[in-house]
Amino acid sequence: MKNKFSLFLFLPTICCLLATGLTGCGYTTRSMLSGKYNTIYVAPFLNKVDVTQESFSANKYRIYRPMLETDITKKVINRYLFDGNLKPAKEAAADLVLKGELIEYRKDPLSYTANTENVTEYRINIYVNLSLWDVKENKLLWQENNFNGNYSYFTADNANVASIKVPESTAVNNAVEDLARRVVERTVEQW
């Protein structure tokens, strides 16, 4: 009888301790934004890629990609819609304004075939300068330069690595999506 009584007390005690321990975790998926910010206007990204620079070995992988700034603007707006913490709005009705400039697009080789030295893997890097403004107070909340989104992809089968070929257009799209995700996270989570 004594063992049944101790088991009767022991199980609820363990359950209470587990419930207390699990609910004490500090992780949350809520926005870290102040309650006064509900809407955001994403100004069209400007293309500030300098295509007139002389070509030399340090920037030989810089490439000009037409209309990339438009794609970035659309993906960032769509990401805010998907995230749901800030609602995209017209500039006159927004609490916040996000301004961005595309400053660099790079396609860097990561790996080569052993015999022919053909590139088998690239990384697309997209760099932007960002600033977030509080419209009502006309105050800069934060600014990030050389903010990056990227994506690595294989262009050929690599015998040493289980790889899947990806078209460059898909890789660019994935890099823009990565950039948009990071922009929204930077805005909403405010690390």
Protein backbone atom coordinates (compact mmCIF):
# COMPACT_ATOMS: atom_id res chain seq x y z
CA MET A 1 0.00 0.00 0.00
CA LYS A 2 2.89 2.32 0.82
CA ASN A 3 4.38 1.92 -2.70
CA LYS A 4 1.08 2.86 -4.36
CA PHE A 5 0.82 5.97 -2.19
CA SER A 6 4.41 7.07 -3.02
CA LEU A 7 3.78 6.46 -6.73
CA PHE A 8 0.56 8.50 -6.42
CA LEU A 9 2.57 11.48 -5.05
CA PHE A 10 5.62 10.97 -7.25
CA LEU A 11 3.87 11.10 -10.67
CA PRO A 12 2.03 14.42 -10.13
CA THR A 13 5.22 15.98 -8.76
CA ILE A 14 7.18 14.95 -11.87
CA CYS A 15 4.38 16.21 -14.16
CA CYS A 16 4.34 19.59 -12.41
CA LEU A 17 8.12 19.93 -12.66
CA LEU A 18 8.09 19.07 -16.37
CA ALA A 19 5.26 21.51 -17.09
CA THR A 20 7.06 24.28 -15.20
CA GLY A 21 10.36 23.57 -16.97
CA LEU A 22 8.84 23.48 -20.45
CA THR A 23 6.84 26.68 -20.06
CA GLY A 24 9.84 28.57 -18.70
CA CYS A 25 11.56 28.60 -22.08
CA GLY A 26 12.20 32.12 -23.40
CA TYR A 27 11.74 31.39 -27.12
CA THR A 28 8.95 33.18 -28.92
CA THR A 29 7.92 33.66 -32.54
CA ARG A 30 6.23 36.98 -31.82
CA SER A 31 7.46 40.19 -33.29
CA MET A 32 9.84 42.31 -31.26
CA LEU A 33 8.33 45.44 -32.81
CA SER A 34 6.64 48.03 -30.70
CA GLY A 35 2.84 47.97 -30.83
CA LYS A 36 2.82 51.39 -32.50
CA TYR A 37 4.12 49.91 -35.78
CA ASN A 38 1.54 48.05 -37.85
CA THR A 39 2.20 49.06 -41.47
CA ILE A 40 5.25 49.46 -43.68
CA TYR A 41 5.92 51.05 -47.04
CA VAL A 42 8.68 49.41 -49.06
CA ALA A 43 10.15 52.09 -51.29
CA PRO A 44 11.24 50.74 -54.67
CA PHE A 45 14.83 49.54 -54.36
CA LEU A 46 17.28 51.67 -56.32
CA ASN A 47 19.94 50.14 -58.54
CA LYS A 48 23.27 51.63 -57.44
CA VAL A 49 25.47 48.96 -59.07
CA ASP A 50 28.41 50.78 -60.64
CA VAL A 51 28.74 49.26 -64.09
CA THR A 52 31.37 51.80 -65.16
CA GLN A 53 34.07 50.46 -62.85
CA GLU A 54 37.18 49.16 -64.53
CA SER A 55 37.44 45.41 -64.62
CA PHE A 56 40.18 43.88 -62.53
CA SER A 57 40.65 40.53 -60.79
CA ALA A 58 38.98 41.56 -57.50
CA ASN A 59 35.67 42.34 -59.17
CA LYS A 60 35.67 40.06 -62.20
CA TYR A 61 32.68 38.18 -60.79
CA ARG A 62 30.57 41.31 -60.44
CA ILE A 63 27.75 41.21 -62.92
CA TYR A 64 25.04 43.63 -63.92
CA ARG A 65 21.61 42.00 -63.86
CA PRO A 66 18.85 44.22 -65.30
CA MET A 67 15.68 44.72 -63.24
CA LEU A 68 17.05 42.86 -60.21
CA GLU A 69 16.08 45.80 -57.97
CA THR A 70 12.44 45.40 -59.09
CA ASP A 71 12.50 41.70 -58.24
CA ILE A 72 13.94 42.49 -54.81
CA THR A 73 11.22 45.07 -54.09
CA LYS A 74 8.45 42.62 -55.06
CA LYS A 75 9.93 39.75 -53.01
CA VAL A 76 10.38 41.93 -49.92
CA ILE A 77 6.75 43.13 -50.11
CA ASN A 78 5.54 39.55 -50.57
CA ARG A 79 7.64 38.43 -47.61
CA TYR A 80 6.04 41.07 -45.37
CA LEU A 81 2.63 39.80 -46.51
CA PHE A 82 3.67 36.22 -45.71
CA ASP A 83 5.16 37.14 -42.32
CA GLY A 84 2.10 39.11 -41.22
CA ASN A 85 3.73 41.24 -38.50
CA LEU A 86 3.77 44.38 -40.66
CA LYS A 87 1.17 45.05 -43.32
CA PRO A 88 2.47 46.62 -46.55
CA ALA A 89 0.75 49.97 -47.17
CA LYS A 90 0.96 53.07 -49.33
CA GLU A 91 3.56 55.58 -48.20
CA ALA A 92 0.99 58.08 -46.86
CA ALA A 93 -0.64 55.45 -44.62
CA ALA A 94 2.49 53.65 -43.37
CA ASP A 95 4.03 53.72 -39.89
CA LEU A 96 7.44 52.68 -41.24
CA VAL A 97 9.33 53.18 -44.51
CA LEU A 98 11.98 50.73 -45.69
CA LYS A 99 14.46 52.19 -48.20
CA GLY A 100 16.94 50.04 -50.06
CA GLU A 101 19.68 50.25 -52.66
CA LEU A 102 21.06 47.34 -54.67
CA ILE A 103 24.82 47.87 -54.57
CA GLU A 104 26.27 44.60 -55.83
CA TYR A 105 25.39 41.35 -57.56
CA ARG A 106 28.09 38.68 -57.64
CA LYS A 107 28.38 35.19 -59.06
CA ASP A 108 31.38 33.63 -57.32
CA PRO A 109 32.78 30.20 -58.25
CA LEU A 110 33.02 27.78 -55.31
CA SER A 111 34.25 24.53 -56.84
CA TYR A 112 35.80 23.25 -60.04
CA THR A 113 36.20 19.91 -61.81
CA ALA A 114 39.56 18.35 -61.12
CA ASN A 115 40.71 17.79 -64.71
CA THR A 116 39.16 20.56 -66.78
CA GLU A 117 38.89 23.30 -64.16
CA ASN A 118 35.32 24.02 -65.22
CA VAL A 119 33.19 25.60 -62.53
CA THR A 120 30.73 23.13 -60.99
CA GLU A 121 29.37 25.27 -58.16
CA TYR A 122 28.61 28.98 -57.83
CA ARG A 123 27.30 31.24 -55.09
CA ILE A 124 25.03 34.14 -55.99
CA ASN A 125 25.50 37.07 -53.58
CA ILE A 126 23.20 40.08 -53.57
CA TYR A 127 24.23 43.10 -51.48
CA VAL A 128 21.95 45.97 -50.51
CA ASN A 129 22.06 49.02 -48.26
CA LEU A 130 18.95 49.36 -46.07
CA SER A 131 17.40 51.95 -43.79
CA LEU A 132 14.19 51.79 -41.77
CA TRP A 133 12.40 55.04 -40.92
CA ASP A 134 9.67 55.90 -38.41
CA VAL A 135 7.34 58.07 -40.52
CA LYS A 136 5.54 59.91 -37.71
CA GLU A 137 8.75 60.96 -35.94
CA ASN A 138 10.83 61.20 -39.15
CA LYS A 139 13.49 59.20 -37.32
CA LEU A 140 15.98 56.64 -38.59
CA LEU A 141 15.42 53.43 -36.60
CA TRP A 142 18.31 51.45 -38.10
CA GLN A 143 20.59 51.29 -41.09
CA GLU A 144 22.48 48.31 -42.54
CA ASN A 145 25.09 48.53 -45.27
CA ASN A 146 26.25 45.53 -47.33
CA PHE A 147 23.27 43.47 -46.19
CA ASN A 148 23.50 40.13 -47.99
CA GLY A 149 21.28 37.41 -49.41
CA ASN A 150 22.83 34.43 -51.16
CA TYR A 151 22.32 31.02 -52.68
CA SER A 152 24.80 28.32 -53.75
CA TYR A 153 24.06 26.02 -56.67
CA PHE A 154 25.64 23.37 -58.87
CA THR A 155 25.97 23.80 -62.62
CA ALA A 156 27.24 20.29 -63.41
CA ASP A 157 27.29 16.85 -61.89
CA ASN A 158 30.09 16.50 -59.39
CA ALA A 159 31.29 12.92 -58.86
CA ASN A 160 32.45 13.64 -55.30
CA VAL A 161 29.25 15.31 -54.10
CA ALA A 162 25.61 14.36 -54.43
CA SER A 163 24.55 17.46 -56.31
CA ILE A 164 21.55 18.61 -58.26
CA LYS A 165 21.92 20.95 -61.22
CA VAL A 166 20.07 24.23 -60.81
CA PRO A 167 19.46 26.78 -63.58
CA GLU A 168 21.00 30.19 -62.89
CA SER A 169 17.58 31.90 -63.05
CA THR A 170 16.33 29.63 -60.23
CA ALA A 171 19.47 30.34 -58.20
CA VAL A 172 19.00 34.11 -58.60
CA ASN A 173 15.36 33.79 -57.55
CA ASN A 174 16.40 31.78 -54.48
CA ALA A 175 19.05 34.37 -53.56
CA VAL A 176 16.46 37.16 -53.82
CA GLU A 177 14.09 35.14 -51.62
CA ASP A 178 16.87 34.64 -49.07
CA LEU A 179 17.57 38.38 -49.09
CA ALA A 180 13.85 39.19 -48.64
CA ARG A 181 13.57 36.75 -45.74
CA ARG A 182 16.58 38.30 -44.02
CA VAL A 183 15.28 41.86 -44.57
CA VAL A 184 11.94 41.03 -42.96
CA GLU A 185 13.62 39.19 -40.08
CA ARG A 186 15.90 42.18 -39.49
CA THR A 187 12.90 44.49 -39.41
CA VAL A 188 10.58 42.39 -37.30
CA GLU A 189 12.98 40.66 -34.91
CA GLN A 190 15.31 43.63 -34.40
CA TRP A 191 18.20 41.53 -33.05
